[in-house]
Amino acid sequence: MPLKSSDFFPIQLRKMHLADIDTAMDLKNAEGWNQTREDWELFLQASPESCFVAVHEDQVVGTAVGVNYEQKVAWIGMMLVNRAFRGRGISKQLMTAVIASLGQRTCIKLDATPAGYPVYESLGFKEEYALQRMVAEQISLPDATEDQCLHVRPLRPEDLDDVATYDQKAFGAYRTEVLRHALRQQPGIACIYREGSRVVGFLLGRTGTRYTHIGPLVADDSHIAKALVNYGCSQLGTGPLVLDVPVSGTAWMDWLKTCGFKKQRDLYRMFLNTNAHSGTPLRIFLIAGPELG
């Protein structure tokens, strides 16, 4: 019987530890991704039972993490394999382990690249909607409107309960820790739009190793979404920005282009099992990121 490539490169899977973050960062940097050490710590804090590494002779050669939101919606991200070890089924082993850890009743989602789409489709994932990643080296924002000045203000820690409840209706599950994580990382971007006491939109952002990430942005309509981007991004200094936009209409994306954002690549939101907790996707103007949903 012929030997398989995996016989020459025995791989073991185990749970990820904090001590693995240095190697995980090396794998992430090799792909030009944007996540920080604090992001890895968030994954391990939120769902330690769903964070895995693939190991060859005590060397971490692959990672995958799952973040479970209330046992309703779970997210798979940070699927990374050392280039020298690709083509040996390591990604599939990692995916299988993460999926098994998340449970059959949970709706499992991910954001796939075009290259990864057929792989995830073969595992039973179905497309929910398309996204575009957009980047900007510099942005040009319109002048603040009177409406923006009246309704938009900085988002503070005491707003998080209201924001999390508003976000849950759009996303499909509570993800308060993710929102708190973003507020800690980029408090200057964080802003909220209220009509009276009612939340009708909010914007958060995160620090990255290459870009400042803008999102999530959840709002009742595009008018509110534009006001939030205008306010939040006006608080930033210079530096490149990145955001991930659901492809639901051209007017919103065209407006982002007028601000200086350009398409970098396509992404596809996919789900496994049932999509019973789909939320209200039309209120999601910017996602938190492919690793967080």
Protein backbone atom coordinates (compact mmCIF):
# COMPACT_ATOMS: atom_id res chain seq x y z
CA MET A 1 0.00 0.00 0.00
CA PRO A 2 1.54 3.37 -0.98
CA LEU A 3 2.36 5.81 1.79
CA LYS A 4 0.41 9.03 2.04
CA SER A 5 2.13 12.39 2.44
CA SER A 6 0.67 12.58 5.96
CA ASP A 7 2.63 9.43 6.89
CA PHE A 8 5.83 11.43 6.38
CA PHE A 9 4.47 14.46 8.21
CA PRO A 10 2.47 13.14 11.21
CA ILE A 11 0.14 15.86 12.45
CA GLN A 12 -1.48 16.10 15.85
CA LEU A 13 -4.29 18.45 16.82
CA ARG A 14 -4.62 19.96 20.27
CA LYS A 15 -6.30 22.91 21.95
CA MET A 16 -4.56 26.23 21.50
CA HIS A 17 -2.76 27.82 24.46
CA LEU A 18 -1.67 31.38 25.17
CA ALA A 19 1.91 30.24 24.64
CA ASP A 20 1.03 29.47 21.00
CA ILE A 21 0.22 33.09 20.14
CA ASP A 22 3.76 33.98 19.03
CA THR A 23 3.74 31.21 16.42
CA ALA A 24 0.15 32.01 15.46
CA MET A 25 1.18 35.61 14.85
CA ASP A 26 4.03 34.40 12.62
CA LEU A 27 1.58 32.34 10.55
CA LYS A 28 -0.81 35.29 10.36
CA ASN A 29 1.95 37.73 9.36
CA ALA A 30 3.13 35.39 6.60
CA GLU A 31 -0.31 35.80 4.99
CA GLY A 32 -0.40 39.57 5.45
CA TRP A 33 -3.43 39.42 7.75
CA ASN A 34 -4.37 42.18 10.17
CA GLN A 35 -5.10 40.56 13.56
CA THR A 36 -3.29 41.45 16.78
CA ARG A 37 -2.20 39.49 19.85
CA GLU A 38 -5.23 40.94 21.63
CA ASP A 39 -7.50 39.36 18.99
CA TRP A 40 -5.98 35.91 19.62
CA GLU A 41 -6.45 36.45 23.36
CA LEU A 42 -10.11 37.29 22.71
CA PHE A 43 -10.62 34.01 20.81
CA LEU A 44 -9.04 32.02 23.65
CA GLN A 45 -11.04 33.85 26.30
CA ALA A 46 -14.37 33.58 24.45
CA SER A 47 -14.26 29.92 23.34
CA PRO A 48 -11.11 28.09 24.51
CA GLU A 49 -12.69 24.72 23.72
CA SER A 50 -12.96 25.67 20.02
CA CYS A 51 -9.45 27.02 19.36
CA PHE A 52 -7.10 24.43 17.83
CA VAL A 53 -3.55 24.15 16.55
CA ALA A 54 -2.01 21.53 14.27
CA VAL A 55 1.41 20.38 15.48
CA HIS A 56 4.28 18.59 13.70
CA GLU A 57 7.23 17.57 15.89
CA ASP A 58 6.32 20.19 18.55
CA GLN A 59 6.03 22.92 15.90
CA VAL A 60 2.67 24.67 15.42
CA VAL A 61 1.98 24.53 11.68
CA GLY A 62 -1.71 25.43 11.57
CA THR A 63 -4.50 27.18 13.47
CA ALA A 64 -8.28 27.47 13.42
CA VAL A 65 -10.61 29.07 15.94
CA GLY A 66 -14.32 29.03 16.60
CA VAL A 67 -16.19 31.66 18.59
CA ASN A 68 -19.58 30.60 19.93
CA TYR A 69 -22.22 33.25 20.54
CA GLU A 70 -24.87 31.96 22.98
CA GLN A 71 -24.88 28.48 21.38
CA LYS A 72 -26.90 30.10 18.58
CA VAL A 73 -24.38 31.45 16.08
CA ALA A 74 -20.74 30.39 15.96
CA TRP A 75 -17.93 31.76 13.83
CA ILE A 76 -14.94 29.94 12.35
CA GLY A 77 -11.88 31.96 11.49
CA MET A 78 -8.09 32.17 11.55
CA MET A 79 -7.71 29.09 9.34
CA LEU A 80 -3.95 29.20 8.78
CA VAL A 81 -1.51 26.53 7.61
CA ASN A 82 2.24 26.92 7.21
CA ARG A 83 2.91 26.97 3.46
CA ALA A 84 5.45 24.15 3.74
CA PHE A 85 2.72 21.86 5.12
CA ARG A 86 -0.13 22.59 2.72
CA GLY A 87 -1.77 19.94 0.56
CA ARG A 88 -1.76 17.36 3.37
CA GLY A 89 -5.33 17.76 4.62
CA ILE A 90 -4.42 19.84 7.67
CA SER A 91 -7.11 22.47 6.99
CA LYS A 92 -9.79 19.78 6.78
CA GLN A 93 -8.62 18.22 10.06
CA LEU A 94 -8.75 21.60 11.77
CA MET A 95 -12.17 22.42 10.32
CA THR A 96 -13.55 19.05 11.42
CA ALA A 97 -12.27 19.56 14.96
CA VAL A 98 -13.68 23.08 15.28
CA ILE A 99 -17.07 22.09 13.84
CA ALA A 100 -17.30 19.13 16.23
CA SER A 101 -16.51 21.40 19.20
CA LEU A 102 -19.29 23.85 18.32
CA GLY A 103 -22.20 21.38 18.40
CA GLN A 104 -24.80 20.34 15.83
CA ARG A 105 -27.54 22.68 17.01
CA THR A 106 -25.46 25.82 16.52
CA CYS A 107 -25.54 27.68 13.22
CA ILE A 108 -21.88 27.74 12.18
CA LYS A 109 -20.76 30.53 9.87
CA LEU A 110 -17.61 31.77 8.18
CA ASP A 111 -16.51 34.29 5.56
CA ALA A 112 -14.84 32.48 2.68
CA THR A 113 -12.43 33.71 0.03
CA PRO A 114 -13.10 32.62 -3.57
CA ALA A 115 -10.34 30.00 -3.19
CA GLY A 116 -11.85 28.61 0.00
CA TYR A 117 -15.47 28.67 -1.21
CA PRO A 118 -15.48 25.24 -2.95
CA VAL A 119 -13.69 23.65 0.01
CA TYR A 120 -16.32 24.87 2.47
CA GLU A 121 -19.11 24.03 0.04
CA SER A 122 -17.86 20.44 -0.05
CA LEU A 123 -18.19 20.35 3.76
CA GLY A 124 -21.87 21.34 3.52
CA PHE A 125 -21.66 25.14 3.89
CA LYS A 126 -24.15 27.24 1.92
CA GLU A 127 -23.82 30.85 0.81
CA GLU A 128 -25.82 33.46 2.71
CA TYR A 129 -24.60 36.63 0.98
CA ALA A 130 -21.54 38.20 -0.63
CA LEU A 131 -19.15 40.77 0.83
CA GLN A 132 -16.38 43.00 -0.41
CA ARG A 133 -13.24 43.97 1.44
CA MET A 134 -12.39 47.62 0.80
CA VAL A 135 -9.27 49.57 1.76
CA ALA A 136 -8.24 53.22 1.80
CA GLU A 137 -4.87 54.85 2.32
CA GLN A 138 -6.57 58.20 2.87
CA ILE A 139 -10.20 59.16 3.16
CA SER A 140 -12.15 62.26 2.23
CA LEU A 141 -15.27 62.73 4.33
CA PRO A 142 -18.18 65.08 3.66
CA ASP A 143 -18.86 67.93 6.05
CA ALA A 144 -20.84 67.03 9.15
CA THR A 145 -24.57 67.63 8.77
CA GLU A 146 -26.82 69.27 11.34
CA ASP A 147 -28.56 65.92 11.82
CA GLN A 148 -25.24 64.24 12.59
CA CYS A 149 -24.34 66.91 15.12
CA LEU A 150 -27.69 66.44 16.86
CA HIS A 151 -27.82 62.65 17.04
CA VAL A 152 -24.30 61.14 16.89
CA ARG A 153 -22.03 61.12 19.93
CA PRO A 154 -19.17 58.99 21.30
CA LEU A 155 -20.12 55.49 22.39
CA ARG A 156 -19.26 54.97 26.06
CA PRO A 157 -19.03 51.79 28.19
CA GLU A 158 -22.39 52.58 29.77
CA ASP A 159 -23.99 52.34 26.30
CA LEU A 160 -22.87 48.76 25.74
CA ASP A 161 -25.95 47.02 27.12
CA ASP A 162 -28.24 48.99 24.80
CA VAL A 163 -25.85 48.55 21.87
CA ALA A 164 -25.55 44.78 22.46
CA THR A 165 -29.33 44.40 22.47
CA TYR A 166 -29.64 46.41 19.26
CA ASP A 167 -26.78 44.43 17.67
CA GLN A 168 -28.32 41.09 18.68
CA LYS A 169 -31.41 41.78 16.59
CA ALA A 170 -29.26 42.35 13.50
CA PHE A 171 -26.55 39.73 14.07
CA GLY A 172 -28.70 36.94 15.51
CA ALA A 173 -27.02 36.51 18.90
CA TYR A 174 -25.45 38.55 21.67
CA ARG A 175 -21.71 39.22 21.19
CA THR A 176 -21.09 41.69 23.98
CA GLU A 177 -17.46 40.66 24.52
CA VAL A 178 -16.62 41.38 20.89
CA LEU A 179 -18.21 44.83 21.15
CA ARG A 180 -16.37 45.53 24.40
CA HIS A 181 -13.10 44.36 22.81
CA ALA A 182 -13.55 46.80 19.92
CA LEU A 183 -14.43 49.67 22.24
CA ARG A 184 -11.23 49.07 24.23
CA GLN A 185 -9.10 48.96 21.10
CA GLN A 186 -10.45 52.00 19.26
CA PRO A 187 -12.52 54.20 21.60
CA GLY A 188 -12.05 57.17 19.27
CA ILE A 189 -13.96 55.52 16.41
CA ALA A 190 -16.79 54.27 18.62
CA CYS A 191 -19.98 56.26 18.19
CA ILE A 192 -23.71 55.83 18.64
CA TYR A 193 -26.78 57.31 16.94
CA ARG A 194 -29.87 57.73 19.13
CA GLU A 195 -33.32 59.04 18.39
CA GLY A 196 -34.46 60.04 21.83
CA SER A 197 -33.45 57.14 24.07
CA ARG A 198 -33.64 54.58 21.24
CA VAL A 199 -30.47 53.24 19.59
CA VAL A 200 -30.81 53.29 15.80
CA GLY A 201 -27.16 52.75 14.90
CA PHE A 202 -23.60 52.34 16.16
CA LEU A 203 -20.06 52.05 14.81
CA LEU A 204 -16.98 50.40 16.32
CA GLY A 205 -13.48 49.68 15.07
CA ARG A 206 -10.37 47.71 15.95
CA THR A 207 -6.63 48.17 15.88
CA GLY A 208 -4.75 46.00 13.38
CA THR A 209 -1.13 45.28 12.54
CA ARG A 210 -1.59 46.66 9.01
CA TYR A 211 -4.86 48.61 8.99
CA THR A 212 -7.34 50.17 11.35
CA HIS A 213 -10.42 48.00 10.89
CA ILE A 214 -13.75 49.87 10.65
CA GLY A 215 -16.74 47.84 11.82
CA PRO A 216 -19.10 46.52 12.95
CA LEU A 217 -21.58 49.13 11.78
CA VAL A 218 -25.25 48.36 12.40
CA ALA A 219 -27.94 50.92 11.57
CA ASP A 220 -31.60 51.29 10.71
CA ASP A 221 -30.77 52.80 7.32
CA SER A 222 -27.96 54.10 5.10
CA HIS A 223 -28.51 57.72 6.15
CA ILE A 224 -27.64 56.77 9.72
CA ALA A 225 -24.76 54.54 8.56
CA LYS A 226 -23.19 57.43 6.62
CA ALA A 227 -23.48 59.76 9.61
CA LEU A 228 -21.71 57.19 11.81
CA VAL A 229 -18.85 56.62 9.35
CA ASN A 230 -18.48 60.36 8.91
CA TYR A 231 -18.29 60.95 12.65
CA GLY A 232 -16.20 57.91 13.63
CA CYS A 233 -13.62 58.16 10.85
CA SER A 234 -13.23 61.90 11.37
CA GLN A 235 -11.74 61.08 14.79
CA LEU A 236 -8.89 59.09 13.21
CA GLY A 237 -5.48 60.36 12.27
CA THR A 238 -3.67 59.28 9.13
CA GLY A 239 -3.13 55.66 8.23
CA PRO A 240 -4.69 52.95 6.09
CA LEU A 241 -8.21 51.70 6.80
CA VAL A 242 -9.98 48.46 5.95
CA LEU A 243 -13.64 47.47 6.11
CA ASP A 244 -15.80 44.54 4.99
CA VAL A 245 -19.10 45.45 3.32
CA PRO A 246 -22.12 43.22 2.67
CA VAL A 247 -23.03 43.47 -1.02
CA SER A 248 -26.68 44.43 -0.64
CA GLY A 249 -26.91 47.55 -2.79
CA THR A 250 -24.70 49.77 -4.88
CA ALA A 251 -25.61 53.17 -3.36
CA TRP A 252 -23.94 52.45 -0.01
CA MET A 253 -20.81 51.01 -1.63
CA ASP A 254 -20.67 53.88 -4.12
CA TRP A 255 -20.73 56.34 -1.21
CA LEU A 256 -17.81 54.51 0.45
CA LYS A 257 -15.90 54.82 -2.83
CA THR A 258 -16.45 58.59 -2.83
CA CYS A 259 -14.80 58.59 0.62
CA GLY A 260 -11.71 56.90 -0.84
CA PHE A 261 -12.32 53.18 -0.28
CA LYS A 262 -11.41 50.74 -3.07
CA LYS A 263 -12.25 47.08 -3.52
CA GLN A 264 -9.50 44.69 -2.50
CA ARG A 265 -11.20 41.27 -2.75
CA ASP A 266 -14.46 39.33 -2.59
CA LEU A 267 -15.70 37.33 0.38
CA TYR A 268 -18.72 35.07 0.85
CA ARG A 269 -20.64 34.59 4.08
CA MET A 270 -21.56 30.91 4.42
CA PHE A 271 -23.42 28.84 7.01
CA LEU A 272 -23.60 25.22 8.10
CA ASN A 273 -26.57 23.41 9.62
CA THR A 274 -29.53 25.76 10.01
CA ASN A 275 -29.62 29.53 9.67
CA ALA A 276 -32.33 29.84 12.30
CA HIS A 277 -30.67 32.86 13.94
CA SER A 278 -30.04 34.94 10.83
CA GLY A 279 -30.88 38.25 12.48
CA THR A 280 -31.57 41.19 10.16
CA PRO A 281 -28.68 41.29 7.66
CA LEU A 282 -29.99 44.43 5.93
CA ARG A 283 -29.10 46.40 9.07
CA ILE A 284 -25.47 45.25 8.93
CA PHE A 285 -23.58 47.85 6.90
CA LEU A 286 -20.09 46.73 7.98
CA ILE A 287 -19.18 43.43 9.62
CA ALA A 288 -16.88 43.00 12.62
CA GLY A 289 -14.43 41.07 10.44
CA PRO A 290 -14.15 37.64 8.80
CA GLU A 291 -12.75 36.21 12.05
CA LEU A 292 -15.61 37.49 14.23
CA GLY A 293 -18.69 37.82 12.04
